[in-house]
C-alpha cells in the first residue's frame, strides 16, 4: 500500500473512472519503492512534498508509457524527478572511515 493516495494520482491524470485503479495503485507502489532505492530513505513517517510529487510524476509517466520500446524517445525517469529527489539522496563515496 502506497503513501500517495489513489485519488491524488487520478487527479494528476484527470481520470474519473475506476477501471484502472489496481494498475494505478501498482504504479504508485513501484514509484515509492523506486524513490526509496534512489534516495536511501524510507517512504514513511514524515514524507516531504517533493517525494509525493516525484511519486505522482513517476506513476503517471509509467501509466502513460506502458511499453518498453517505442518509436519515440523514452526516458527511464521523467524530467524533474531527479531534481526533486537529489537533495534527499544519501551520497556514497566509497570512503570507509578508519
N, C-alpha and C. Protein backbone atom coordinates (compact mmCIF):
# COMPACT_ATOMS: atom_id res chain seq x y z
N UNK A 1 0.85 -1.19 0.00
CA UNK A 1 0.00 0.00 0.00
C UNK A 1 0.89 1.24 0.00
N UNK A 2 0.61 2.15 -0.89
CA UNK A 2 1.44 3.35 -1.00
C UNK A 2 0.97 4.44 -0.05
N UNK A 3 1.85 5.39 0.17
CA UNK A 3 1.52 6.55 0.99
C UNK A 3 0.84 7.65 0.18
N UNK A 4 0.98 7.59 -1.13
CA UNK A 4 0.35 8.55 -2.03
C UNK A 4 -1.03 8.01 -2.38
N UNK A 5 -2.04 8.85 -2.25
CA UNK A 5 -3.42 8.36 -2.41
C UNK A 5 -3.77 8.11 -3.87
N UNK A 6 -4.64 7.15 -4.05
CA UNK A 6 -5.17 6.84 -5.37
C UNK A 6 -5.91 8.04 -5.94
N UNK A 7 -6.63 8.76 -5.10
CA UNK A 7 -7.36 9.95 -5.56
C UNK A 7 -6.41 11.00 -6.12
N UNK A 8 -5.23 11.13 -5.53
CA UNK A 8 -4.27 12.13 -5.99
C UNK A 8 -3.70 11.77 -7.36
N UNK A 9 -3.36 10.50 -7.59
CA UNK A 9 -2.84 10.11 -8.90
C UNK A 9 -3.94 10.21 -9.96
N UNK A 10 -5.17 9.91 -9.59
CA UNK A 10 -6.27 10.05 -10.55
C UNK A 10 -6.48 11.52 -10.91
N UNK A 11 -6.32 12.42 -9.95
CA UNK A 11 -6.42 13.85 -10.23
C UNK A 11 -5.26 14.29 -11.13
N UNK A 12 -4.06 13.77 -10.87
CA UNK A 12 -2.88 14.09 -11.68
C UNK A 12 -3.12 13.73 -13.15
N UNK A 13 -3.79 12.61 -13.37
CA UNK A 13 -4.02 12.11 -14.72
C UNK A 13 -5.39 12.48 -15.29
N UNK A 14 -6.19 13.20 -14.53
CA UNK A 14 -7.56 13.55 -14.95
C UNK A 14 -8.39 12.31 -15.28
N UNK A 15 -8.32 11.32 -14.41
CA UNK A 15 -9.08 10.08 -14.59
C UNK A 15 -10.29 10.12 -13.67
N UNK A 16 -11.46 9.87 -14.23
CA UNK A 16 -12.68 9.91 -13.42
C UNK A 16 -13.43 8.58 -13.42
N UNK A 17 -12.72 7.49 -13.69
CA UNK A 17 -13.33 6.16 -13.65
C UNK A 17 -12.46 5.26 -12.76
N UNK A 18 -12.96 4.09 -12.44
CA UNK A 18 -12.21 3.19 -11.56
C UNK A 18 -11.69 1.94 -12.29
N UNK A 19 -11.72 1.95 -13.62
CA UNK A 19 -11.29 0.79 -14.40
C UNK A 19 -9.81 0.45 -14.20
N UNK A 20 -8.98 1.45 -13.96
CA UNK A 20 -7.54 1.23 -13.84
C UNK A 20 -7.02 1.42 -12.42
N UNK A 21 -7.90 1.37 -11.43
CA UNK A 21 -7.46 1.61 -10.04
C UNK A 21 -6.36 0.66 -9.59
N UNK A 22 -6.48 -0.62 -9.91
CA UNK A 22 -5.46 -1.59 -9.48
C UNK A 22 -4.12 -1.28 -10.16
N UNK A 23 -4.15 -0.94 -11.44
CA UNK A 23 -2.92 -0.61 -12.16
C UNK A 23 -2.30 0.67 -11.61
N UNK A 24 -3.13 1.69 -11.36
CA UNK A 24 -2.61 2.94 -10.79
C UNK A 24 -2.00 2.71 -9.41
N UNK A 25 -2.64 1.89 -8.59
CA UNK A 25 -2.11 1.59 -7.26
C UNK A 25 -0.76 0.89 -7.38
N UNK A 26 -0.66 -0.03 -8.33
CA UNK A 26 0.61 -0.72 -8.57
C UNK A 26 1.70 0.27 -9.00
N UNK A 27 1.37 1.18 -9.91
CA UNK A 27 2.34 2.18 -10.36
C UNK A 27 2.80 3.06 -9.20
N UNK A 28 1.88 3.43 -8.30
CA UNK A 28 2.27 4.21 -7.12
C UNK A 28 3.20 3.42 -6.21
N UNK A 29 2.89 2.15 -5.99
CA UNK A 29 3.73 1.30 -5.14
C UNK A 29 5.14 1.21 -5.70
N UNK A 30 5.24 0.99 -7.00
CA UNK A 30 6.56 0.87 -7.65
C UNK A 30 7.30 2.21 -7.61
N UNK A 31 6.59 3.31 -7.83
CA UNK A 31 7.21 4.63 -7.78
C UNK A 31 7.80 4.91 -6.40
N UNK A 32 7.06 4.59 -5.35
CA UNK A 32 7.57 4.83 -3.99
C UNK A 32 8.75 3.91 -3.68
N UNK A 33 8.70 2.68 -4.16
CA UNK A 33 9.85 1.78 -3.98
C UNK A 33 11.07 2.32 -4.72
N UNK A 34 10.88 2.83 -5.93
CA UNK A 34 11.98 3.40 -6.71
C UNK A 34 12.59 4.59 -5.97
N UNK A 35 11.74 5.44 -5.39
CA UNK A 35 12.21 6.61 -4.64
C UNK A 35 13.02 6.17 -3.42
N UNK A 36 12.55 5.15 -2.71
CA UNK A 36 13.30 4.62 -1.57
C UNK A 36 14.67 4.13 -2.00
N UNK A 37 14.73 3.39 -3.10
CA UNK A 37 16.00 2.87 -3.58
C UNK A 37 16.93 3.99 -4.05
N UNK A 38 16.37 5.00 -4.69
CA UNK A 38 17.19 6.10 -5.20
C UNK A 38 17.74 6.98 -4.09
N UNK A 39 16.90 7.29 -3.09
CA UNK A 39 17.32 8.21 -2.04
C UNK A 39 17.98 7.52 -0.85
N UNK A 40 17.68 6.24 -0.67
CA UNK A 40 18.18 5.54 0.52
C UNK A 40 17.34 5.84 1.75
N UNK A 41 16.18 6.44 1.56
CA UNK A 41 15.30 6.79 2.68
C UNK A 41 13.95 6.10 2.51
N UNK A 42 13.36 5.70 3.62
CA UNK A 42 12.06 5.06 3.57
C UNK A 42 10.98 6.09 3.24
N UNK A 43 10.00 5.66 2.50
CA UNK A 43 8.87 6.49 2.13
C UNK A 43 7.81 6.30 3.21
N UNK A 44 8.13 6.73 4.43
CA UNK A 44 7.25 6.53 5.58
C UNK A 44 7.45 7.66 6.58
N UNK A 45 6.54 7.74 7.54
CA UNK A 45 6.63 8.79 8.55
C UNK A 45 6.40 10.14 7.90
N UNK A 46 7.28 11.10 8.20
CA UNK A 46 7.19 12.41 7.54
C UNK A 46 7.64 12.24 6.10
N UNK A 47 6.78 12.60 5.17
CA UNK A 47 7.10 12.48 3.74
C UNK A 47 7.14 13.88 3.15
N UNK A 48 8.32 14.30 2.67
CA UNK A 48 8.40 15.62 2.04
C UNK A 48 7.47 15.71 0.83
N UNK A 49 6.95 16.89 0.58
CA UNK A 49 6.06 17.10 -0.56
C UNK A 49 6.75 16.73 -1.87
N UNK A 50 8.06 16.93 -1.93
CA UNK A 50 8.78 16.60 -3.16
C UNK A 50 8.78 15.09 -3.42
N UNK A 51 8.73 14.26 -2.37
CA UNK A 51 8.62 12.81 -2.55
C UNK A 51 7.26 12.46 -3.15
N UNK A 52 6.21 13.10 -2.64
CA UNK A 52 4.87 12.86 -3.18
C UNK A 52 4.79 13.29 -4.63
N UNK A 53 5.33 14.47 -4.94
CA UNK A 53 5.31 14.96 -6.32
C UNK A 53 6.10 14.03 -7.24
N UNK A 54 7.26 13.59 -6.79
CA UNK A 54 8.07 12.67 -7.60
C UNK A 54 7.32 11.35 -7.80
N UNK A 55 6.65 10.86 -6.78
CA UNK A 55 5.87 9.64 -6.88
C UNK A 55 4.75 9.80 -7.90
N UNK A 56 4.06 10.93 -7.87
CA UNK A 56 2.98 11.19 -8.83
C UNK A 56 3.52 11.27 -10.25
N UNK A 57 4.65 11.96 -10.43
CA UNK A 57 5.21 12.10 -11.77
C UNK A 57 5.67 10.75 -12.31
N UNK A 58 6.34 9.96 -11.48
CA UNK A 58 6.79 8.63 -11.92
C UNK A 58 5.61 7.73 -12.26
N UNK A 59 4.64 7.64 -11.37
CA UNK A 59 3.50 6.75 -11.59
C UNK A 59 2.71 7.18 -12.83
N UNK A 60 2.51 8.48 -13.01
CA UNK A 60 1.77 8.97 -14.17
C UNK A 60 2.54 8.67 -15.45
N UNK A 61 3.84 8.88 -15.44
CA UNK A 61 4.67 8.61 -16.62
C UNK A 61 4.62 7.13 -16.98
N UNK A 62 4.79 6.28 -15.98
CA UNK A 62 4.78 4.84 -16.24
C UNK A 62 3.39 4.35 -16.64
N UNK A 63 2.35 5.01 -16.18
CA UNK A 63 0.98 4.66 -16.58
C UNK A 63 0.76 4.97 -18.06
N UNK A 64 1.20 6.16 -18.47
CA UNK A 64 1.00 6.59 -19.86
C UNK A 64 1.94 5.84 -20.81
N UNK A 65 3.20 5.66 -20.40
CA UNK A 65 4.21 4.97 -21.22
C UNK A 65 4.33 3.53 -20.74
N UNK A 66 3.45 2.67 -21.17
CA UNK A 66 3.40 1.30 -20.67
C UNK A 66 4.31 0.34 -21.42
N UNK A 67 4.81 0.75 -22.56
CA UNK A 67 5.64 -0.14 -23.38
C UNK A 67 7.11 0.08 -23.08
N UNK A 68 7.89 -0.99 -23.23
CA UNK A 68 9.34 -0.91 -23.01
C UNK A 68 10.07 -0.34 -24.21
N UNK A 69 9.43 -0.32 -25.36
CA UNK A 69 10.04 0.20 -26.58
C UNK A 69 9.01 1.01 -27.35
N UNK A 70 9.49 1.99 -28.08
CA UNK A 70 8.60 2.86 -28.83
C UNK A 70 9.37 3.52 -29.96
N UNK A 71 8.66 4.10 -30.92
CA UNK A 71 9.33 4.82 -31.99
C UNK A 71 9.63 6.27 -31.58
N UNK A 72 9.22 6.66 -30.39
CA UNK A 72 9.58 7.98 -29.84
C UNK A 72 10.62 7.77 -28.74
N UNK A 73 11.38 8.81 -28.47
CA UNK A 73 12.42 8.72 -27.44
C UNK A 73 11.79 8.64 -26.05
N UNK A 74 12.08 7.56 -25.35
CA UNK A 74 11.59 7.38 -23.99
C UNK A 74 12.72 7.61 -23.00
N UNK A 75 12.40 8.07 -21.83
CA UNK A 75 13.38 8.20 -20.75
C UNK A 75 12.93 7.33 -19.59
N UNK A 76 13.89 6.85 -18.83
CA UNK A 76 13.56 6.00 -17.69
C UNK A 76 12.84 6.78 -16.60
N UNK A 77 13.24 8.03 -16.42
CA UNK A 77 12.67 8.87 -15.37
C UNK A 77 12.27 10.20 -16.00
N UNK A 78 11.03 10.66 -15.79
CA UNK A 78 10.61 11.92 -16.40
C UNK A 78 11.40 13.12 -15.87
N UNK A 79 11.49 14.14 -16.71
CA UNK A 79 12.21 15.37 -16.38
C UNK A 79 11.71 15.95 -15.06
N UNK A 80 12.62 16.30 -14.19
CA UNK A 80 12.28 16.95 -12.92
C UNK A 80 12.27 16.04 -11.71
N UNK A 81 12.11 14.73 -11.91
CA UNK A 81 12.02 13.81 -10.77
C UNK A 81 13.35 13.78 -10.00
N UNK A 82 14.45 13.64 -10.72
CA UNK A 82 15.75 13.58 -10.03
C UNK A 82 16.04 14.88 -9.29
N UNK A 83 15.64 16.01 -9.88
CA UNK A 83 15.85 17.31 -9.23
C UNK A 83 15.04 17.41 -7.94
N UNK A 84 13.87 16.81 -7.91
CA UNK A 84 13.06 16.80 -6.69
C UNK A 84 13.70 15.94 -5.59
N UNK A 85 14.37 14.85 -5.99
CA UNK A 85 14.87 13.88 -5.03
C UNK A 85 16.33 14.05 -4.64
N UNK A 86 17.13 14.68 -5.48
CA UNK A 86 18.57 14.78 -5.21
C UNK A 86 18.92 15.40 -3.86
N UNK A 87 18.18 16.41 -3.36
CA UNK A 87 18.54 16.94 -2.04
C UNK A 87 18.40 15.92 -0.91
N UNK A 88 17.65 14.86 -1.12
CA UNK A 88 17.42 13.85 -0.08
C UNK A 88 18.26 12.60 -0.29
N UNK A 89 19.01 12.54 -1.36
CA UNK A 89 19.76 11.34 -1.69
C UNK A 89 20.98 11.21 -0.80
N UNK A 90 21.18 10.00 -0.27
CA UNK A 90 22.37 9.72 0.53
C UNK A 90 23.53 9.46 -0.40
N UNK A 91 24.58 10.24 -0.25
CA UNK A 91 25.77 10.07 -1.11
C UNK A 91 26.63 8.94 -0.55
N UNK A 92 27.10 8.13 -1.45
CA UNK A 92 28.02 7.06 -1.09
C UNK A 92 29.30 7.30 -1.88
N UNK A 93 30.40 7.53 -1.16
CA UNK A 93 31.66 7.87 -1.82
C UNK A 93 32.60 6.70 -1.93
N UNK A 94 32.36 5.66 -1.20
CA UNK A 94 33.29 4.54 -1.21
C UNK A 94 34.35 4.66 -0.13
N UNK A 95 34.44 5.83 0.53
CA UNK A 95 35.41 6.05 1.60
C UNK A 95 34.91 5.35 2.87
N UNK A 96 35.78 4.61 3.48
CA UNK A 96 35.45 3.94 4.74
C UNK A 96 36.29 4.56 5.84
N UNK A 97 35.62 5.05 6.86
CA UNK A 97 36.33 5.68 7.99
C UNK A 97 37.12 4.63 8.75
N UNK A 98 38.30 5.00 9.22
CA UNK A 98 39.13 4.03 9.99
C UNK A 98 38.52 3.67 11.32
